[in-house]
Amino acid sequence: MVKITLIKSTIGEVASVKATVASLGLKKIRSYSVFQDTPALRGQIKKIAHLVKVEEIGGDKA
């Protein structure tokens, strides 16, 4: 599992970056979402890495 926290504003960012942040459910600074770790999610994180903090949290070990 991955916890993604928005730490910087999207003001001044291009529309595709804003859309990626919104698609992850991040609305305000310090808002967070928890997701299952997938390659698609990692691609989204890479695109907005300069705006978010990513933490690995305990999850499925199966």
PDB file of N, CA and C in Angstrom:
ATOM      1  N   MET A   1       0.842  -1.173   0.000  1.00  0.00           N
ATOM      2  CA  MET A   1       0.000   0.000   0.000  1.00  0.00           C
ATOM      3  C   MET A   1       0.891   1.241   0.000  1.00  0.00           C
ATOM      4  N   VAL A   2       0.376   2.284  -0.639  1.00  0.00           N
ATOM      5  CA  VAL A   2       1.120   3.524  -0.776  1.00  0.00           C
ATOM      6  C   VAL A   2       0.233   4.676  -0.327  1.00  0.00           C
ATOM      7  N   LYS A   3       0.777   5.542   0.533  1.00  0.00           N
ATOM      8  CA  LYS A   3       0.074   6.739   0.979  1.00  0.00           C
ATOM      9  C   LYS A   3       0.683   7.926   0.244  1.00  0.00           C
ATOM     10  N   ILE A   4      -0.156   8.680  -0.475  1.00  0.00           N
ATOM     11  CA  ILE A   4       0.292   9.827  -1.247  1.00  0.00           C
ATOM     12  C   ILE A   4      -0.286  11.082  -0.613  1.00  0.00           C
ATOM     13  N   THR A   5       0.581  12.023  -0.231  1.00  0.00           N
ATOM     14  CA  THR A   5       0.172  13.260   0.420  1.00  0.00           C
ATOM     15  C   THR A   5       0.570  14.441  -0.445  1.00  0.00           C
ATOM     16  N   LEU A   6      -0.364  15.342  -0.713  1.00  0.00           N
ATOM     17  CA  LEU A   6      -0.081  16.561  -1.474  1.00  0.00           C
ATOM     18  C   LEU A   6       0.624  17.540  -0.555  1.00  0.00           C
ATOM     19  N   ILE A   7       1.832  17.980  -0.933  1.00  0.00           N
ATOM     20  CA  ILE A   7       2.586  18.889  -0.077  1.00  0.00           C
ATOM     21  C   ILE A   7       2.826  20.250  -0.721  1.00  0.00           C
ATOM     22  N   LYS A   8       2.586  20.374  -2.004  1.00  0.00           N
ATOM     23  CA  LYS A   8       2.743  21.658  -2.687  1.00  0.00           C
ATOM     24  C   LYS A   8       1.503  21.941  -3.521  1.00  0.00           C
ATOM     25  N   SER A   9       1.264  23.213  -3.763  1.00  0.00           N
ATOM     26  CA  SER A   9       0.100  23.647  -4.521  1.00  0.00           C
ATOM     27  C   SER A   9       0.249  23.332  -6.008  1.00  0.00           C
ATOM     28  N   THR A  10      -0.877  23.206  -6.683  1.00  0.00           N
ATOM     29  CA  THR A  10      -0.866  22.968  -8.126  1.00  0.00           C
ATOM     30  C   THR A  10      -0.972  24.269  -8.916  1.00  0.00           C
ATOM     31  N   ILE A  11      -0.969  25.404  -8.227  1.00  0.00           N
ATOM     32  CA  ILE A  11      -1.041  26.691  -8.910  1.00  0.00           C
ATOM     33  C   ILE A  11       0.172  26.830  -9.831  1.00  0.00           C
ATOM     34  N   GLY A  12      -0.074  27.186 -11.072  1.00  0.00           N
ATOM     35  CA  GLY A  12       0.998  27.371 -12.036  1.00  0.00           C
ATOM     36  C   GLY A  12       1.396  26.110 -12.778  1.00  0.00           C
ATOM     37  N   GLU A  13       0.800  24.985 -12.425  1.00  0.00           N
ATOM     38  CA  GLU A  13       1.113  23.727 -13.110  1.00  0.00           C
ATOM     39  C   GLU A  13       0.272  23.596 -14.381  1.00  0.00           C
ATOM     40  N   VAL A  14       0.748  22.781 -15.309  1.00  0.00           N
ATOM     41  CA  VAL A  14       0.001  22.539 -16.538  1.00  0.00           C
ATOM     42  C   VAL A  14      -1.240  21.704 -16.235  1.00  0.00           C
ATOM     43  N   ALA A  15      -2.192  21.729 -17.134  1.00  0.00           N
ATOM     44  CA  ALA A  15      -3.478  21.070 -16.915  1.00  0.00           C
ATOM     45  C   ALA A  15      -3.344  19.566 -16.680  1.00  0.00           C
ATOM     46  N   SER A  16      -2.403  18.913 -17.357  1.00  0.00           N
ATOM     47  CA  SER A  16      -2.264  17.463 -17.191  1.00  0.00           C
ATOM     48  C   SER A  16      -1.783  17.100 -15.790  1.00  0.00           C
ATOM     49  N   VAL A  17      -0.949  17.936 -15.189  1.00  0.00           N
ATOM     50  CA  VAL A  17      -0.489  17.693 -13.818  1.00  0.00           C
ATOM     51  C   VAL A  17      -1.655  17.900 -12.852  1.00  0.00           C
ATOM     52  N   LYS A  18      -2.426  18.958 -13.052  1.00  0.00           N
ATOM     53  CA  LYS A  18      -3.591  19.215 -12.204  1.00  0.00           C
ATOM     54  C   LYS A  18      -4.591  18.065 -12.302  1.00  0.00           C
ATOM     55  N   ALA A  19      -4.785  17.540 -13.496  1.00  0.00           N
ATOM     56  CA  ALA A  19      -5.718  16.430 -13.697  1.00  0.00           C
ATOM     57  C   ALA A  19      -5.225  15.159 -13.000  1.00  0.00           C
ATOM     58  N   THR A  20      -3.933  14.919 -13.022  1.00  0.00           N
ATOM     59  CA  THR A  20      -3.372  13.749 -12.348  1.00  0.00           C
ATOM     60  C   THR A  20      -3.567  13.851 -10.843  1.00  0.00           C
ATOM     61  N   VAL A  21      -3.321  15.039 -10.281  1.00  0.00           N
ATOM     62  CA  VAL A  21      -3.524  15.256  -8.848  1.00  0.00           C
ATOM     63  C   VAL A  21      -4.986  15.025  -8.490  1.00  0.00           C
ATOM     64  N   ALA A  22      -5.898  15.561  -9.296  1.00  0.00           N
ATOM     65  CA  ALA A  22      -7.332  15.408  -9.038  1.00  0.00           C
ATOM     66  C   ALA A  22      -7.759  13.946  -9.159  1.00  0.00           C
ATOM     67  N   SER A  23      -7.195  13.219 -10.115  1.00  0.00           N
ATOM     68  CA  SER A  23      -7.578  11.823 -10.306  1.00  0.00           C
ATOM     69  C   SER A  23      -7.155  10.943  -9.132  1.00  0.00           C
ATOM     70  N   LEU A  24      -6.152  11.388  -8.388  1.00  0.00           N
ATOM     71  CA  LEU A  24      -5.712  10.659  -7.202  1.00  0.00           C
ATOM     72  C   LEU A  24      -6.512  11.057  -5.971  1.00  0.00           C
ATOM     73  N   GLY A  25      -7.453  11.983  -6.133  1.00  0.00           N
ATOM     74  CA  GLY A  25      -8.323  12.376  -5.034  1.00  0.00           C
ATOM     75  C   GLY A  25      -7.696  13.386  -4.086  1.00  0.00           C
ATOM     76  N   LEU A  26      -6.657  14.074  -4.545  1.00  0.00           N
ATOM     77  CA  LEU A  26      -5.978  15.061  -3.715  1.00  0.00           C
ATOM     78  C   LEU A  26      -6.537  16.447  -4.047  1.00  0.00           C
ATOM     79  N   LYS A  27      -7.099  17.115  -3.038  1.00  0.00           N
ATOM     80  CA  LYS A  27      -7.740  18.396  -3.288  1.00  0.00           C
ATOM     81  C   LYS A  27      -7.012  19.565  -2.650  1.00  0.00           C
ATOM     82  N   LYS A  28      -6.650  19.424  -1.392  1.00  0.00           N
ATOM     83  CA  LYS A  28      -5.989  20.499  -0.666  1.00  0.00           C
ATOM     84  C   LYS A  28      -4.622  20.036  -0.190  1.00  0.00           C
ATOM     85  N   ILE A  29      -3.762  20.990   0.130  1.00  0.00           N
ATOM     86  CA  ILE A  29      -2.460  20.655   0.676  1.00  0.00           C
ATOM     87  C   ILE A  29      -2.662  19.872   1.978  1.00  0.00           C
ATOM     88  N   ARG A  30      -1.854  18.863   2.174  1.00  0.00           N
ATOM     89  CA  ARG A  30      -1.892  17.918   3.295  1.00  0.00           C
ATOM     90  C   ARG A  30      -3.040  16.918   3.195  1.00  0.00           C
ATOM     91  N   SER A  31      -3.781  16.904   2.089  1.00  0.00           N
ATOM     92  CA  SER A  31      -4.757  15.827   1.902  1.00  0.00           C
ATOM     93  C   SER A  31      -3.984  14.598   1.416  1.00  0.00           C
ATOM     94  N   TYR A  32      -4.506  13.410   1.707  1.00  0.00           N
ATOM     95  CA  TYR A  32      -3.805  12.199   1.310  1.00  0.00           C
ATOM     96  C   TYR A  32      -4.787  11.139   0.842  1.00  0.00           C
ATOM     97  N   SER A  33      -4.256  10.188   0.113  1.00  0.00           N
ATOM     98  CA  SER A  33      -5.012   9.035  -0.355  1.00  0.00           C
ATOM     99  C   SER A  33      -4.125   7.806  -0.225  1.00  0.00           C
ATOM    100  N   VAL A  34      -4.757   6.663  -0.025  1.00  0.00           N
ATOM    101  CA  VAL A  34      -4.033   5.398   0.099  1.00  0.00           C
ATOM    102  C   VAL A  34      -4.468   4.492  -1.053  1.00  0.00           C
ATOM    103  N   PHE A  35      -3.484   3.925  -1.735  1.00  0.00           N
ATOM    104  CA  PHE A  35      -3.751   3.090  -2.901  1.00  0.00           C
ATOM    105  C   PHE A  35      -2.947   1.805  -2.842  1.00  0.00           C
ATOM    106  N   GLN A  36      -3.405   0.820  -3.571  1.00  0.00           N
ATOM    107  CA  GLN A  36      -2.644  -0.401  -3.821  1.00  0.00           C
ATOM    108  C   GLN A  36      -1.514  -0.030  -4.773  1.00  0.00           C
ATOM    109  N   ASP A  37      -0.328  -0.537  -4.551  1.00  0.00           N
ATOM    110  CA  ASP A  37       0.834  -0.208  -5.377  1.00  0.00           C
ATOM    111  C   ASP A  37       0.770  -0.956  -6.703  1.00  0.00           C
ATOM    112  N   THR A  38       0.635  -0.211  -7.802  1.00  0.00           N
ATOM    113  CA  THR A  38       0.590  -0.797  -9.142  1.00  0.00           C
ATOM    114  C   THR A  38       1.518  -0.012 -10.067  1.00  0.00           C
ATOM    115  N   PRO A  39       1.905  -0.578 -11.196  1.00  0.00           N
ATOM    116  CA  PRO A  39       2.741   0.160 -12.147  1.00  0.00           C
ATOM    117  C   PRO A  39       2.060   1.430 -12.664  1.00  0.00           C
ATOM    118  N   ALA A  40       0.750   1.398 -12.865  1.00  0.00           N
ATOM    119  CA  ALA A  40       0.034   2.580 -13.341  1.00  0.00           C
ATOM    120  C   ALA A  40       0.088   3.698 -12.305  1.00  0.00           C
ATOM    121  N   LEU A  41      -0.073   3.341 -11.050  1.00  0.00           N
ATOM    122  CA  LEU A  41       0.011   4.331  -9.976  1.00  0.00           C
ATOM    123  C   LEU A  41       1.416   4.911  -9.895  1.00  0.00           C
ATOM    124  N   ARG A  42       2.429   4.084 -10.044  1.00  0.00           N
ATOM    125  CA  ARG A  42       3.810   4.568 -10.010  1.00  0.00           C
ATOM    126  C   ARG A  42       4.077   5.570 -11.132  1.00  0.00           C
ATOM    127  N   GLY A  43       3.450   5.373 -12.291  1.00  0.00           N
ATOM    128  CA  GLY A  43       3.585   6.324 -13.391  1.00  0.00           C
ATOM    129  C   GLY A  43       2.962   7.670 -13.052  1.00  0.00           C
ATOM    130  N   GLN A  44       1.805   7.639 -12.407  1.00  0.00           N
ATOM    131  CA  GLN A  44       1.162   8.884 -11.978  1.00  0.00           C
ATOM    132  C   GLN A  44       2.016   9.591 -10.933  1.00  0.00           C
ATOM    133  N   ILE A  45       2.566   8.833  -9.997  1.00  0.00           N
ATOM    134  CA  ILE A  45       3.412   9.418  -8.959  1.00  0.00           C
ATOM    135  C   ILE A  45       4.644  10.075  -9.584  1.00  0.00           C
ATOM    136  N   LYS A  46       5.232   9.424 -10.566  1.00  0.00           N
ATOM    137  CA  LYS A  46       6.417   9.975 -11.218  1.00  0.00           C
ATOM    138  C   LYS A  46       6.114  11.319 -11.871  1.00  0.00           C
ATOM    139  N   LYS A  47       4.918  11.448 -12.423  1.00  0.00           N
ATOM    140  CA  LYS A  47       4.536  12.690 -13.101  1.00  0.00           C
ATOM    141  C   LYS A  47       4.382  13.852 -12.124  1.00  0.00           C
ATOM    142  N   ILE A  48       3.930  13.561 -10.901  1.00  0.00           N
ATOM    143  CA  ILE A  48       3.673  14.634  -9.935  1.00  0.00           C
ATOM    144  C   ILE A  48       4.596  14.545  -8.723  1.00  0.00           C
ATOM    145  N   ALA A  49       5.749  13.921  -8.880  1.00  0.00           N
ATOM    146  CA  ALA A  49       6.663  13.675  -7.764  1.00  0.00           C
ATOM    147  C   ALA A  49       7.112  14.961  -7.072  1.00  0.00           C
ATOM    148  N   HIS A  50       7.160  16.060  -7.801  1.00  0.00           N
ATOM    149  CA  HIS A  50       7.605  17.324  -7.223  1.00  0.00           C
ATOM    150  C   HIS A  50       6.533  17.974  -6.335  1.00  0.00           C
ATOM    151  N   LEU A  51       5.314  17.421  -6.318  1.00  0.00           N
ATOM    152  CA  LEU A  51       4.221  17.987  -5.538  1.00  0.00           C
ATOM    153  C   LEU A  51       3.790  17.121  -4.368  1.00  0.00           C
ATOM    154  N   VAL A  52       4.220  15.877  -4.333  1.00  0.00           N
ATOM    155  CA  VAL A  52       3.690  14.930  -3.343  1.00  0.00           C
ATOM    156  C   VAL A  52       4.789  14.270  -2.518  1.00  0.00           C
ATOM    157  N   LYS A  53       4.366  13.704  -1.392  1.00  0.00           N
ATOM    158  CA  LYS A  53       5.225  12.862  -0.559  1.00  0.00           C
ATOM    159  C   LYS A  53       4.617  11.468  -0.620  1.00  0.00           C
ATOM    160  N   VAL A  54       5.437  10.473  -0.856  1.00  0.00           N
ATOM    161  CA  VAL A  54       4.974   9.091  -1.004  1.00  0.00           C
ATOM    162  C   VAL A  54       5.552   8.256   0.133  1.00  0.00           C
ATOM    163  N   GLU A  55       4.668   7.514   0.817  1.00  0.00           N
ATOM    164  CA  GLU A  55       5.095   6.652   1.906  1.00  0.00           C
ATOM    165  C   GLU A  55       4.584   5.241   1.668  1.00  0.00           C
ATOM    166  N   GLU A  56       5.470   4.279   1.862  1.00  0.00           N
ATOM    167  CA  GLU A  56       5.057   2.875   1.842  1.00  0.00           C
ATOM    168  C   GLU A  56       4.443   2.571   3.208  1.00  0.00           C
ATOM    169  N   ILE A  57       3.253   2.011   3.213  1.00  0.00           N
ATOM    170  CA  ILE A  57       2.636   1.633   4.492  1.00  0.00           C
ATOM    171  C   ILE A  57       2.365   0.142   4.484  1.00  0.00           C
ATOM    172  N   GLY A  58       2.273  -0.438   5.657  1.00  0.00           N
ATOM    173  CA  GLY A  58       2.044  -1.868   5.776  1.00  0.00           C
ATOM    174  C   GLY A  58       0.798  -2.284   5.027  1.00  0.00           C
ATOM    175  N   GLY A  59       0.883  -3.404   4.361  1.00  0.00           N
ATOM    176  CA  GLY A  59      -0.256  -3.865   3.582  1.00  0.00           C
ATOM    177  C   GLY A  59      -0.171  -5.349   3.334  1.00  0.00           C
ATOM    178  N   ASP A  60      -0.640  -5.749   2.183  1.00  0.00           N
ATOM    179  CA  ASP A  60      -0.677  -7.162   1.819  1.00  0.00           C
ATOM    180  C   ASP A  60       0.736  -7.710   1.675  1.00  0.00           C
ATOM    181  N   LYS A  61       0.987  -8.811   2.330  1.00  0.00           N
ATOM    182  CA  LYS A  61       2.272  -9.474   2.211  1.00  0.00           C
ATOM    183  C   LYS A  61       2.111 -10.793   1.467  1.00  0.00           C
ATOM    184  N   ALA A  62       0.978 -10.976   0.837  1.00  0.00           N
ATOM    185  CA  ALA A  62       0.682 -12.228   0.136  1.00  0.00           C
ATOM    186  C   ALA A  62       1.310 -12.256  -1.228  1.00  0.00           C
TER     187      ALA A  62
END
